[in-house]
Amino acid sequence: MNKSLCLMLAGLACVTSVAEGGAKCRGTVVTRGHHHVPGHYVSGHHVSGHAIVTSTAKPAQKDILGTAAAAGSFSTLVAAIKAAGLESALAGPGPFTVFAPTDEAFSKLPKGTVESLLKPENLGRLQAILKYHVSAGAVKSSEVVRMASLTSLLGQRIDVAVADGKVGIDQAQVVKADIQCSNGIIHVIDSVILPFEQDIVDVAAGNPSFSTLVAAVKAAGLVDTLKGDGPFTVFAPNDEAFAKLPEGTIAELLKPENREKLVTILTYHVVPGRVYASDVVKLKSAATANGKDILVNFSDKGVTVNDARVIATDIETSNGVIHVIDSVILP
């Protein structure tokens, strides 16, 4: 999926007013602070002779949910957060960065989508979508524009694309940035961004170059495992990779009596966690799901895992990431 819409970044959006202090007027001194001055208390001011002491303390910032609710343009987002049971999470200390779709952004979704998402039976999907709009940490716009992606609370990456003064967050445009909250930052976007919803097995099954791998996963009884929450990183041999094995090897491995051996081989291609290519190149080895390590080497010729070459990377799924390799690796 191409998620690289590039769009406009509209300046800083959190404006606070600061009262002028230290001004002098006709012998009357106005200062800022909470100092007590003996005298009368009149209309919020302490008065003693000609000295007037005023308080200009800034009002406390609201948290992310409170800020969104007060803005008036995020009523659908606030309703979705409440329906998803994420109120307490977004009221926590964080900090969080929220890419917040406006009501107008939600209205762009197909008719009936919002109403469907708010139903109790769709709680899981609603939570996933909302978590995809949130990243850990308070990431200012000046930092966002230097990034290629951010990792969402869902685990999946949110793509960032900057060109010609425009900033794209997946398929959305940033229209207002850096709204400061007590527990993070809000950047306003003009479209709802959607995470990948197909799991590892579904993505592989939908790609004709993984037909042998999918058949092997089914024969090994690993379908339910690889459709689980994970996350998993799969170094996936394509059909050409399996074809390199000695003749008859695949047919033999797919027999029920060889299921345990097949499980051992397949789990050697799986690393727990979501390990993107940018992380893989920093590794020397990685522990696999079958308990043995694979060796990782990065050179000017590319990345190899044991004797297999990585030929495609970062295929996103709902429960992990797939990297394609050109050979089957054996424990």
Protein backbone atom coordinates (compact mmCIF):
# COMPACT_ATOMS: atom_id res chain seq x y z
CA MET A 1 0.00 0.00 0.00
CA ASN A 2 1.33 3.44 -0.89
CA LYS A 3 0.99 5.63 2.16
CA SER A 4 2.95 8.67 1.05
CA LEU A 5 0.48 11.53 0.59
CA CYS A 6 2.46 14.66 1.27
CA LEU A 7 0.62 17.59 2.66
CA MET A 8 0.81 21.04 4.21
CA LEU A 9 2.17 21.77 7.69
CA ALA A 10 0.38 24.76 9.13
CA GLY A 11 2.48 26.52 11.81
CA LEU A 12 2.29 26.46 15.49
CA ALA A 13 -1.16 26.24 16.97
CA CYS A 14 -1.03 26.66 20.71
CA VAL A 15 -1.28 30.35 21.67
CA THR A 16 -1.09 31.47 25.25
CA SER A 17 -1.44 35.04 26.44
CA VAL A 18 1.07 36.43 28.89
CA ALA A 19 0.20 39.58 30.81
CA GLU A 20 2.65 42.44 30.66
CA GLY A 21 4.48 42.99 33.96
CA GLY A 22 6.87 45.52 35.40
CA ALA A 23 5.08 48.46 33.73
CA LYS A 24 5.02 51.81 35.49
CA CYS A 25 2.15 54.30 35.25
CA ARG A 26 1.93 57.62 37.01
CA GLY A 27 3.78 56.43 40.09
CA THR A 28 1.77 53.23 40.43
CA VAL A 29 3.93 50.10 40.18
CA VAL A 30 2.42 46.96 38.67
CA THR A 31 4.35 43.75 39.31
CA ARG A 32 3.70 40.06 38.71
CA GLY A 33 3.60 37.37 41.34
CA HIS A 34 1.78 36.10 44.39
CA HIS A 35 3.48 38.31 47.02
CA HIS A 36 1.29 39.31 49.94
CA VAL A 37 0.97 43.05 50.44
CA PRO A 38 -0.71 44.23 53.62
CA GLY A 39 -3.90 46.08 52.89
CA HIS A 40 -7.32 45.45 51.45
CA TYR A 41 -8.29 42.71 49.04
CA VAL A 42 -10.25 44.15 46.15
CA SER A 43 -11.38 42.26 43.03
CA GLY A 44 -8.53 39.78 43.11
CA HIS A 45 -5.83 42.32 43.89
CA HIS A 46 -4.01 43.04 47.12
CA VAL A 47 -3.97 46.81 47.67
CA SER A 48 -1.61 48.78 49.90
CA GLY A 49 -1.29 52.44 49.15
CA HIS A 50 -0.40 52.78 45.49
CA ALA A 51 1.11 49.29 45.12
CA ILE A 52 -1.04 46.78 43.22
CA VAL A 53 0.19 43.18 42.97
CA THR A 54 -1.53 41.03 40.36
CA SER A 55 -1.28 37.33 39.64
CA THR A 56 -0.54 36.32 36.03
CA ALA A 57 -0.06 32.59 36.57
CA LYS A 58 -0.89 30.68 33.40
CA PRO A 59 -3.94 28.44 33.65
CA ALA A 60 -3.01 24.78 33.94
CA GLN A 61 -2.87 23.00 30.59
CA LYS A 62 -5.50 20.37 29.97
CA ASP A 63 -4.52 16.82 29.11
CA ILE A 64 -4.90 15.51 25.56
CA LEU A 65 -8.51 14.42 25.94
CA GLY A 66 -9.49 17.61 27.75
CA THR A 67 -7.80 19.76 25.12
CA ALA A 68 -9.54 17.90 22.30
CA ALA A 69 -12.91 18.14 24.04
CA ALA A 70 -12.52 21.88 24.64
CA ALA A 71 -11.52 22.59 21.03
CA GLY A 72 -14.98 21.77 19.67
CA SER A 73 -13.71 20.32 16.39
CA PHE A 74 -12.86 16.85 17.70
CA SER A 75 -16.25 15.65 18.97
CA THR A 76 -16.11 12.42 16.93
CA LEU A 77 -12.58 11.67 18.09
CA VAL A 78 -13.52 12.26 21.73
CA ALA A 79 -16.60 10.03 21.38
CA ALA A 80 -14.45 7.32 19.78
CA ILE A 81 -11.86 7.50 22.57
CA LYS A 82 -14.59 7.12 25.18
CA ALA A 83 -16.26 4.24 23.31
CA ALA A 84 -12.88 2.51 23.04
CA GLY A 85 -12.24 2.82 26.77
CA LEU A 86 -9.02 4.76 26.20
CA GLU A 87 -9.90 7.79 28.34
CA SER A 88 -7.71 6.86 31.30
CA ALA A 89 -4.81 5.91 29.04
CA LEU A 90 -4.77 9.29 27.29
CA ALA A 91 -5.19 11.04 30.64
CA GLY A 92 -2.04 9.32 31.91
CA PRO A 93 1.36 11.00 32.28
CA GLY A 94 2.49 9.97 28.80
CA PRO A 95 3.82 11.95 27.13
CA PHE A 96 2.03 11.15 23.88
CA THR A 97 1.94 12.58 20.39
CA VAL A 98 -1.54 12.40 18.88
CA PHE A 99 -2.29 12.89 15.20
CA ALA A 100 -5.85 14.02 15.72
CA PRO A 101 -8.44 13.79 12.92
CA THR A 102 -11.04 16.54 12.99
CA ASP A 103 -14.78 15.92 12.72
CA GLU A 104 -14.47 16.81 9.05
CA ALA A 105 -11.76 14.14 8.69
CA PHE A 106 -14.05 11.48 10.14
CA SER A 107 -16.81 12.59 7.78
CA LYS A 108 -14.62 11.57 4.84
CA LEU A 109 -14.94 7.90 5.82
CA PRO A 110 -17.55 5.85 3.95
CA LYS A 111 -21.08 6.43 5.19
CA GLY A 112 -21.87 4.39 8.30
CA THR A 113 -18.23 3.66 9.15
CA VAL A 114 -18.10 5.76 12.31
CA GLU A 115 -21.41 4.39 13.58
CA SER A 116 -20.19 0.84 12.93
CA LEU A 117 -16.88 1.43 14.73
CA LEU A 118 -18.66 2.75 17.82
CA LYS A 119 -20.59 -0.52 18.27
CA PRO A 120 -19.37 -2.73 21.16
CA GLU A 121 -18.71 -5.67 18.83
CA ASN A 122 -16.14 -3.57 16.93
CA LEU A 123 -14.23 -2.50 20.04
CA GLY A 124 -10.99 -4.21 19.00
CA ARG A 125 -10.90 -2.56 15.60
CA LEU A 126 -11.74 0.86 17.05
CA GLN A 127 -8.96 0.57 19.62
CA ALA A 128 -6.48 -0.44 16.93
CA ILE A 129 -7.38 2.55 14.74
CA LEU A 130 -7.12 5.02 17.61
CA LYS A 131 -3.81 3.60 18.87
CA TYR A 132 -2.48 3.98 15.34
CA HIS A 133 -2.95 7.75 15.69
CA VAL A 134 -0.80 7.90 18.85
CA SER A 135 2.96 7.70 19.30
CA ALA A 136 4.90 7.60 22.57
CA GLY A 137 6.75 10.79 23.51
CA ALA A 138 6.06 14.43 22.81
CA VAL A 139 7.31 14.82 19.24
CA LYS A 140 7.27 18.40 18.03
CA SER A 141 6.65 19.28 14.39
CA SER A 142 10.29 20.31 14.00
CA GLU A 143 11.23 16.72 14.86
CA VAL A 144 8.46 15.05 12.85
CA VAL A 145 9.66 16.60 9.59
CA ARG A 146 13.09 15.02 10.08
CA MET A 147 11.64 11.52 10.43
CA ALA A 148 10.72 8.88 7.87
CA SER A 149 8.26 7.28 10.26
CA LEU A 150 7.04 7.08 13.84
CA THR A 151 6.07 3.96 15.73
CA SER A 152 2.46 4.06 16.87
CA LEU A 153 1.14 2.62 20.12
CA LEU A 154 -0.32 -0.15 17.97
CA GLY A 155 3.22 -1.16 17.02
CA GLN A 156 2.85 -0.37 13.34
CA ARG A 157 4.79 2.49 11.83
CA ILE A 158 3.18 5.73 10.68
CA ASP A 159 4.86 7.00 7.51
CA VAL A 160 6.03 10.61 7.28
CA ALA A 161 6.67 12.28 3.93
CA VAL A 162 7.87 15.84 3.47
CA ALA A 163 8.09 17.67 0.16
CA ASP A 164 7.65 21.24 -1.05
CA GLY A 165 6.81 22.46 2.43
CA LYS A 166 4.06 19.87 2.82
CA VAL A 167 3.92 17.12 5.40
CA GLY A 168 2.06 13.85 4.96
CA ILE A 169 1.20 11.45 7.75
CA ASP A 170 0.27 8.30 5.85
CA GLN A 171 -2.56 9.46 3.60
CA ALA A 172 -3.39 12.50 5.76
CA GLN A 173 -2.27 16.13 5.77
CA VAL A 174 -1.08 17.95 8.87
CA VAL A 175 -3.13 21.13 9.03
CA LYS A 176 -2.16 22.41 12.48
CA ALA A 177 0.79 21.47 14.65
CA ASP A 178 2.18 21.61 18.18
CA ILE A 179 -0.92 22.04 20.29
CA GLN A 180 0.63 21.69 23.74
CA CYS A 181 -1.15 19.60 26.38
CA SER A 182 -0.19 18.70 29.92
CA ASN A 183 0.73 15.17 28.81
CA GLY A 184 1.82 15.59 25.23
CA ILE A 185 1.28 17.24 21.88
CA ILE A 186 -1.53 17.21 19.33
CA HIS A 187 -0.96 17.60 15.59
CA VAL A 188 -4.21 18.02 13.66
CA ILE A 189 -4.72 15.97 10.48
CA ASP A 190 -7.38 16.18 7.81
CA SER A 191 -8.03 12.45 7.31
CA VAL A 192 -8.34 9.36 9.47
CA ILE A 193 -5.28 7.13 9.01
CA LEU A 194 -5.84 3.39 9.00
CA PRO A 195 -3.51 0.61 10.13
CA PHE A 196 -2.92 -2.64 8.27
CA GLU A 197 -5.59 -5.12 9.29
CA GLN A 198 -4.38 -8.31 7.58
CA ASP A 199 -2.21 -10.60 9.69
CA ILE A 200 0.96 -12.40 8.59
CA VAL A 201 -0.87 -15.46 7.28
CA ASP A 202 -3.41 -13.40 5.36
CA VAL A 203 -0.73 -11.21 3.77
CA ALA A 204 1.34 -14.25 2.76
CA ALA A 205 -1.73 -16.06 1.41
CA GLY A 206 -2.58 -13.03 -0.69
CA ASN A 207 0.85 -13.05 -2.32
CA PRO A 208 1.30 -15.79 -4.96
CA SER A 209 5.07 -15.90 -4.39
CA PHE A 210 4.51 -17.43 -0.93
CA SER A 211 2.32 -20.39 -1.94
CA THR A 212 4.82 -23.00 -0.71
CA LEU A 213 5.39 -21.18 2.57
CA VAL A 214 1.64 -20.95 3.20
CA ALA A 215 1.21 -24.67 2.45
CA ALA A 216 4.03 -25.45 4.88
CA VAL A 217 2.55 -23.26 7.62
CA LYS A 218 -0.78 -25.08 7.26
CA ALA A 219 0.86 -28.53 7.28
CA ALA A 220 2.81 -27.60 10.40
CA GLY A 221 -0.32 -26.45 12.22
CA LEU A 222 1.11 -22.95 12.73
CA VAL A 223 -1.73 -20.94 11.18
CA ASP A 224 -3.36 -20.00 14.48
CA THR A 225 0.01 -19.11 15.99
CA LEU A 226 0.95 -16.76 13.15
CA LYS A 227 -2.51 -15.23 13.20
CA GLY A 228 -2.10 -14.45 16.90
CA ASP A 229 -1.30 -11.12 18.49
CA GLY A 230 2.45 -11.56 18.18
CA PRO A 231 4.09 -9.42 17.13
CA PHE A 232 6.37 -11.53 14.94
CA THR A 233 9.09 -10.86 12.40
CA VAL A 234 9.12 -13.46 9.65
CA PHE A 235 12.03 -14.02 7.30
CA ALA A 236 9.88 -15.49 4.57
CA PRO A 237 11.35 -17.71 1.82
CA ASN A 238 9.54 -17.23 -1.47
CA ASP A 239 8.63 -20.07 -3.81
CA GLU A 240 11.96 -19.74 -5.65
CA ALA A 241 13.77 -20.14 -2.34
CA PHE A 242 11.93 -23.41 -1.60
CA ALA A 243 12.70 -24.57 -5.16
CA LYS A 244 16.42 -24.47 -4.34
CA LEU A 245 16.01 -27.34 -1.86
CA PRO A 246 16.93 -30.83 -3.11
CA GLU A 247 14.22 -32.45 -5.19
CA GLY A 248 11.54 -34.11 -3.12
CA THR A 249 12.44 -32.23 0.09
CA ILE A 250 9.25 -30.16 0.20
CA ALA A 251 6.97 -33.10 -0.49
CA GLU A 252 8.71 -35.05 2.27
CA LEU A 253 8.44 -32.21 4.79
CA LEU A 254 4.71 -31.81 4.14
CA LYS A 255 3.97 -35.38 5.22
CA PRO A 256 2.18 -35.66 8.61
CA GLU A 257 4.95 -37.85 10.05
CA ASN A 258 7.46 -35.03 9.45
CA ARG A 259 5.39 -32.32 11.06
CA GLU A 260 7.76 -31.81 14.00
CA LYS A 261 10.73 -31.32 11.70
CA LEU A 262 8.73 -28.88 9.58
CA VAL A 263 7.75 -26.90 12.70
CA THR A 264 11.42 -26.70 13.70
CA ILE A 265 12.39 -25.30 10.30
CA LEU A 266 9.55 -22.81 10.05
CA THR A 267 9.95 -21.43 13.58
CA TYR A 268 13.63 -20.87 12.76
CA HIS A 269 12.40 -18.23 10.31
CA VAL A 270 10.43 -16.35 13.00
CA VAL A 271 11.83 -13.79 15.44
CA PRO A 272 9.59 -12.56 18.28
CA GLY A 273 8.82 -8.85 18.10
CA ARG A 274 8.45 -6.38 15.27
CA VAL A 275 11.98 -5.94 13.86
CA TYR A 276 12.14 -3.54 10.94
CA ALA A 277 14.96 -3.41 8.40
CA SER A 278 16.49 -0.39 10.14
CA ASP A 279 16.82 -2.58 13.25
CA VAL A 280 17.95 -5.72 11.43
CA VAL A 281 21.04 -4.02 10.00
CA LYS A 282 22.21 -3.25 13.55
CA LEU A 283 22.10 -6.90 14.61
CA LYS A 284 24.74 -9.58 14.57
CA SER A 285 22.30 -12.31 15.53
CA ALA A 286 18.70 -12.78 16.61
CA ALA A 287 16.96 -15.39 18.74
CA THR A 288 14.27 -17.24 16.82
CA ALA A 289 11.00 -18.80 17.98
CA ASN A 290 12.55 -22.27 17.95
CA GLY A 291 15.23 -21.24 20.45
CA LYS A 292 18.22 -21.08 18.11
CA ASP A 293 19.90 -17.92 16.84
CA ILE A 294 20.17 -16.78 13.26
CA LEU A 295 23.25 -14.86 12.15
CA VAL A 296 22.80 -11.46 10.55
CA ASN A 297 25.40 -9.80 8.36
CA PHE A 298 25.22 -6.35 6.78
CA SER A 299 27.62 -5.28 4.04
CA ASP A 300 27.70 -3.14 0.91
CA LYS A 301 26.12 -6.14 -0.85
CA GLY A 302 23.09 -6.04 1.41
CA VAL A 303 21.80 -8.05 4.35
CA THR A 304 22.07 -11.80 4.79
CA VAL A 305 20.43 -14.05 7.35
CA ASN A 306 22.61 -17.13 7.69
CA ASP A 307 23.16 -18.00 4.00
CA ALA A 308 20.00 -16.31 2.72
CA ARG A 309 19.91 -12.86 1.19
CA VAL A 310 17.18 -10.43 2.19
CA ILE A 311 15.54 -9.27 -1.05
CA ALA A 312 12.53 -7.30 0.22
CA THR A 313 11.85 -5.70 3.58
CA ASP A 314 9.24 -4.22 5.85
CA ILE A 315 6.05 -5.78 4.54
CA GLU A 316 3.64 -4.56 7.21
CA THR A 317 0.94 -6.73 8.75
CA SER A 318 -1.39 -6.28 11.68
CA ASN A 319 0.68 -8.55 13.90
CA GLY A 320 4.21 -8.13 12.62
CA VAL A 321 6.49 -7.55 9.69
CA ILE A 322 7.73 -9.76 6.84
CA HIS A 323 11.17 -9.67 5.21
CA VAL A 324 11.57 -11.79 2.08
CA ILE A 325 14.63 -14.03 1.72
CA ASP A 326 15.93 -15.94 -1.29
CA SER A 327 16.78 -19.23 0.44
CA VAL A 328 15.34 -21.46 3.12
CA ILE A 329 17.48 -21.30 6.27
CA LEU A 330 17.98 -24.49 8.24
CA PRO A 331 18.64 -24.85 11.98
